[in-house]
């Protein structure tokens, strides 16, 4: 994933973020988020299998996505490869 950041009139700064090491580093939090999501599905009577399937489809669609945000003095561009 590449993140580009620019302040008003300044140069673009680019950061390349490796996704796999970040996921491995945050895996304990991901397990807690998964358990919390399953509990929320149970409370709201939503199919947990359907919710996991939809989340998987969402994450599989991310490669090639590009998000651009411009607000006054700052601009951010995130592209997932």
N, C-alpha and C. Protein backbone atom coordinates (compact mmCIF):
# COMPACT_ATOMS: atom_id res chain seq x y z
N UNK A 1 0.85 -1.15 0.00
CA UNK A 1 0.00 0.00 0.00
C UNK A 1 0.91 1.23 0.00
N UNK A 2 0.53 2.22 -0.77
CA UNK A 2 1.29 3.47 -0.84
C UNK A 2 0.43 4.62 -0.34
N UNK A 3 1.01 5.43 0.54
CA UNK A 3 0.32 6.61 1.07
C UNK A 3 1.14 7.83 0.68
N UNK A 4 0.48 8.79 0.04
CA UNK A 4 1.13 10.05 -0.31
C UNK A 4 0.44 11.18 0.44
N UNK A 5 1.24 12.12 0.93
CA UNK A 5 0.75 13.20 1.79
C UNK A 5 1.37 14.50 1.33
N UNK A 6 0.56 15.57 1.29
CA UNK A 6 1.08 16.87 0.86
C UNK A 6 0.40 17.98 1.65
N UNK A 7 1.17 18.91 2.14
CA UNK A 7 0.63 20.13 2.73
C UNK A 7 0.57 21.20 1.65
N UNK A 8 -0.17 22.27 1.91
CA UNK A 8 -0.36 23.34 0.93
C UNK A 8 0.99 23.88 0.45
N UNK A 9 1.21 23.81 -0.84
CA UNK A 9 2.43 24.35 -1.42
C UNK A 9 3.68 23.52 -1.18
N UNK A 10 3.56 22.44 -0.47
CA UNK A 10 4.72 21.62 -0.16
C UNK A 10 4.86 20.45 -1.11
N UNK A 11 5.96 19.73 -0.99
CA UNK A 11 6.16 18.58 -1.87
C UNK A 11 5.36 17.36 -1.38
N UNK A 12 5.10 16.42 -2.28
CA UNK A 12 4.44 15.17 -1.91
C UNK A 12 5.43 14.32 -1.13
N UNK A 13 4.98 13.69 -0.07
CA UNK A 13 5.79 12.72 0.66
C UNK A 13 5.13 11.37 0.51
N UNK A 14 5.92 10.35 0.21
CA UNK A 14 5.37 9.04 -0.07
C UNK A 14 5.87 8.02 0.93
N UNK A 15 4.94 7.21 1.46
CA UNK A 15 5.27 6.12 2.36
C UNK A 15 4.75 4.82 1.76
N UNK A 16 5.61 3.82 1.69
CA UNK A 16 5.18 2.49 1.26
C UNK A 16 4.98 1.66 2.51
N UNK A 17 3.77 1.17 2.71
CA UNK A 17 3.43 0.40 3.91
C UNK A 17 3.25 -1.06 3.51
N UNK A 18 4.13 -1.97 3.99
CA UNK A 18 3.95 -3.39 3.69
C UNK A 18 2.78 -3.96 4.50
N UNK A 19 1.80 -4.50 3.81
CA UNK A 19 0.56 -4.92 4.47
C UNK A 19 0.75 -6.16 5.33
N UNK A 20 1.46 -7.17 4.83
CA UNK A 20 1.60 -8.43 5.57
C UNK A 20 2.28 -8.25 6.93
N UNK A 21 3.43 -7.54 7.04
CA UNK A 21 4.01 -7.34 8.37
C UNK A 21 3.10 -6.56 9.32
N UNK A 22 2.36 -5.60 8.78
CA UNK A 22 1.44 -4.83 9.63
C UNK A 22 0.32 -5.73 10.13
N UNK A 23 -0.21 -6.61 9.26
CA UNK A 23 -1.24 -7.55 9.69
C UNK A 23 -0.72 -8.50 10.76
N UNK A 24 0.51 -8.99 10.60
CA UNK A 24 1.09 -9.88 11.60
C UNK A 24 1.28 -9.16 12.93
N UNK A 25 1.68 -7.90 12.86
CA UNK A 25 1.89 -7.12 14.09
C UNK A 25 0.56 -6.86 14.81
N UNK A 26 -0.50 -6.62 14.04
CA UNK A 26 -1.80 -6.30 14.62
C UNK A 26 -2.71 -7.51 14.78
N UNK A 27 -2.20 -8.73 14.55
CA UNK A 27 -3.05 -9.91 14.60
C UNK A 27 -3.76 -10.12 15.94
N UNK A 28 -3.14 -9.82 17.09
CA UNK A 28 -3.92 -9.96 18.33
C UNK A 28 -5.15 -9.05 18.36
N UNK A 29 -5.02 -7.85 17.84
CA UNK A 29 -6.17 -6.94 17.79
C UNK A 29 -7.21 -7.42 16.78
N UNK A 30 -6.74 -8.04 15.69
CA UNK A 30 -7.67 -8.56 14.69
C UNK A 30 -8.52 -9.70 15.25
N UNK A 31 -7.91 -10.52 16.11
CA UNK A 31 -8.66 -11.61 16.75
C UNK A 31 -9.74 -11.02 17.66
N UNK A 32 -9.40 -9.99 18.42
CA UNK A 32 -10.40 -9.34 19.28
C UNK A 32 -11.51 -8.70 18.45
N UNK A 33 -11.16 -8.10 17.32
CA UNK A 33 -12.17 -7.49 16.44
C UNK A 33 -13.08 -8.56 15.85
N UNK A 34 -12.52 -9.71 15.51
CA UNK A 34 -13.32 -10.81 14.97
C UNK A 34 -14.31 -11.32 16.01
N UNK A 35 -13.85 -11.51 17.24
CA UNK A 35 -14.74 -11.96 18.31
C UNK A 35 -15.82 -10.92 18.58
N UNK A 36 -15.45 -9.64 18.61
CA UNK A 36 -16.43 -8.57 18.81
C UNK A 36 -17.46 -8.53 17.69
N UNK A 37 -16.99 -8.74 16.45
CA UNK A 37 -17.92 -8.76 15.33
C UNK A 37 -18.89 -9.93 15.40
N UNK A 38 -18.39 -11.08 15.82
CA UNK A 38 -19.27 -12.25 15.96
C UNK A 38 -20.31 -12.04 17.06
N UNK A 39 -19.91 -11.41 18.16
CA UNK A 39 -20.86 -11.10 19.24
C UNK A 39 -21.90 -10.10 18.74
N UNK A 40 -21.47 -9.09 17.98
CA UNK A 40 -22.42 -8.11 17.43
C UNK A 40 -23.40 -8.77 16.46
N UNK A 41 -22.91 -9.72 15.67
CA UNK A 41 -23.80 -10.46 14.76
C UNK A 41 -24.85 -11.24 15.56
N UNK A 42 -24.41 -11.84 16.64
CA UNK A 42 -25.32 -12.61 17.48
C UNK A 42 -26.38 -11.70 18.12
N UNK A 43 -25.97 -10.54 18.60
CA UNK A 43 -26.90 -9.61 19.25
C UNK A 43 -27.93 -9.08 18.26
N UNK A 44 -27.48 -8.74 17.05
CA UNK A 44 -28.37 -8.15 16.05
C UNK A 44 -29.01 -9.18 15.14
N UNK A 45 -28.79 -10.46 15.44
CA UNK A 45 -29.37 -11.59 14.69
C UNK A 45 -29.03 -11.52 13.20
N UNK A 46 -27.75 -11.31 12.93
CA UNK A 46 -27.23 -11.31 11.56
C UNK A 46 -26.43 -12.59 11.39
N UNK A 47 -26.49 -13.19 10.22
CA UNK A 47 -25.73 -14.40 9.94
C UNK A 47 -24.23 -14.10 10.01
N UNK A 48 -23.52 -14.76 10.92
CA UNK A 48 -22.08 -14.55 11.05
C UNK A 48 -21.35 -15.03 9.80
N UNK A 49 -21.82 -16.11 9.21
CA UNK A 49 -21.20 -16.63 7.99
C UNK A 49 -21.35 -15.61 6.85
N UNK A 50 -22.52 -15.04 6.71
CA UNK A 50 -22.73 -14.03 5.68
C UNK A 50 -21.89 -12.79 5.91
N UNK A 51 -21.76 -12.38 7.16
CA UNK A 51 -20.95 -11.20 7.48
C UNK A 51 -19.48 -11.46 7.17
N UNK A 52 -18.97 -12.65 7.51
CA UNK A 52 -17.58 -12.99 7.22
C UNK A 52 -17.36 -13.09 5.71
N UNK A 53 -18.31 -13.68 4.99
CA UNK A 53 -18.22 -13.78 3.53
C UNK A 53 -18.16 -12.39 2.89
N UNK A 54 -19.00 -11.49 3.37
CA UNK A 54 -19.04 -10.13 2.83
C UNK A 54 -17.75 -9.39 3.14
N UNK A 55 -17.22 -9.54 4.35
CA UNK A 55 -15.95 -8.90 4.71
C UNK A 55 -14.81 -9.43 3.84
N UNK A 56 -14.81 -10.73 3.59
CA UNK A 56 -13.79 -11.31 2.71
C UNK A 56 -13.87 -10.78 1.30
N UNK A 57 -15.08 -10.62 0.78
CA UNK A 57 -15.26 -10.07 -0.57
C UNK A 57 -14.81 -8.62 -0.63
N UNK A 58 -15.08 -7.87 0.45
CA UNK A 58 -14.66 -6.47 0.51
C UNK A 58 -13.14 -6.36 0.48
N UNK A 59 -12.45 -7.18 1.30
CA UNK A 59 -10.98 -7.12 1.34
C UNK A 59 -10.36 -7.63 0.06
N UNK A 60 -11.00 -8.58 -0.62
CA UNK A 60 -10.45 -9.07 -1.88
C UNK A 60 -10.61 -8.03 -3.00
N UNK A 61 -11.52 -7.08 -2.84
CA UNK A 61 -11.73 -6.05 -3.85
C UNK A 61 -10.80 -4.84 -3.64
N UNK A 62 -10.05 -4.80 -2.54
CA UNK A 62 -9.21 -3.64 -2.25
C UNK A 62 -8.03 -3.44 -3.21
N UNK A 63 -7.33 -4.49 -3.68
CA UNK A 63 -6.21 -4.21 -4.59
C UNK A 63 -6.68 -3.43 -5.82
N UNK A 64 -5.97 -2.36 -6.09
CA UNK A 64 -6.32 -1.48 -7.20
C UNK A 64 -7.17 -0.29 -6.77
N UNK A 65 -7.59 -0.29 -5.49
CA UNK A 65 -8.41 0.82 -5.00
C UNK A 65 -7.53 2.05 -4.77
N UNK A 66 -8.13 3.21 -4.96
CA UNK A 66 -7.42 4.48 -4.80
C UNK A 66 -8.33 5.47 -4.09
N UNK A 67 -7.86 6.03 -2.98
CA UNK A 67 -8.64 6.98 -2.20
C UNK A 67 -7.90 8.31 -2.18
N UNK A 68 -8.58 9.37 -2.57
CA UNK A 68 -7.98 10.71 -2.56
C UNK A 68 -8.83 11.61 -1.68
N UNK A 69 -8.16 12.32 -0.76
CA UNK A 69 -8.86 13.24 0.13
C UNK A 69 -8.12 14.57 0.08
N UNK A 70 -8.83 15.64 -0.24
CA UNK A 70 -8.25 16.98 -0.26
C UNK A 70 -9.09 17.87 0.62
N UNK A 71 -8.44 18.54 1.57
CA UNK A 71 -9.17 19.40 2.48
C UNK A 71 -8.31 20.61 2.80
N UNK A 72 -8.62 21.71 2.18
CA UNK A 72 -7.91 22.96 2.46
C UNK A 72 -6.41 22.85 2.20
N UNK A 73 -5.65 22.82 3.28
CA UNK A 73 -4.20 22.84 3.19
C UNK A 73 -3.57 21.47 3.01
N UNK A 74 -4.33 20.42 3.09
CA UNK A 74 -3.74 19.09 3.11
C UNK A 74 -4.39 18.18 2.07
N UNK A 75 -3.59 17.30 1.49
CA UNK A 75 -4.10 16.31 0.54
C UNK A 75 -3.48 14.96 0.88
N UNK A 76 -4.28 13.88 0.82
CA UNK A 76 -3.81 12.54 1.10
C UNK A 76 -4.29 11.63 -0.03
N UNK A 77 -3.40 10.79 -0.52
CA UNK A 77 -3.72 9.83 -1.56
C UNK A 77 -3.29 8.46 -1.06
N UNK A 78 -4.21 7.50 -1.02
CA UNK A 78 -3.91 6.13 -0.60
C UNK A 78 -4.24 5.21 -1.77
N UNK A 79 -3.25 4.43 -2.21
CA UNK A 79 -3.51 3.46 -3.28
C UNK A 79 -3.07 2.08 -2.79
N UNK A 80 -3.95 1.10 -2.97
CA UNK A 80 -3.69 -0.27 -2.53
C UNK A 80 -3.28 -1.06 -3.76
N UNK A 81 -2.14 -1.74 -3.69
CA UNK A 81 -1.66 -2.51 -4.84
C UNK A 81 -1.76 -3.98 -4.58
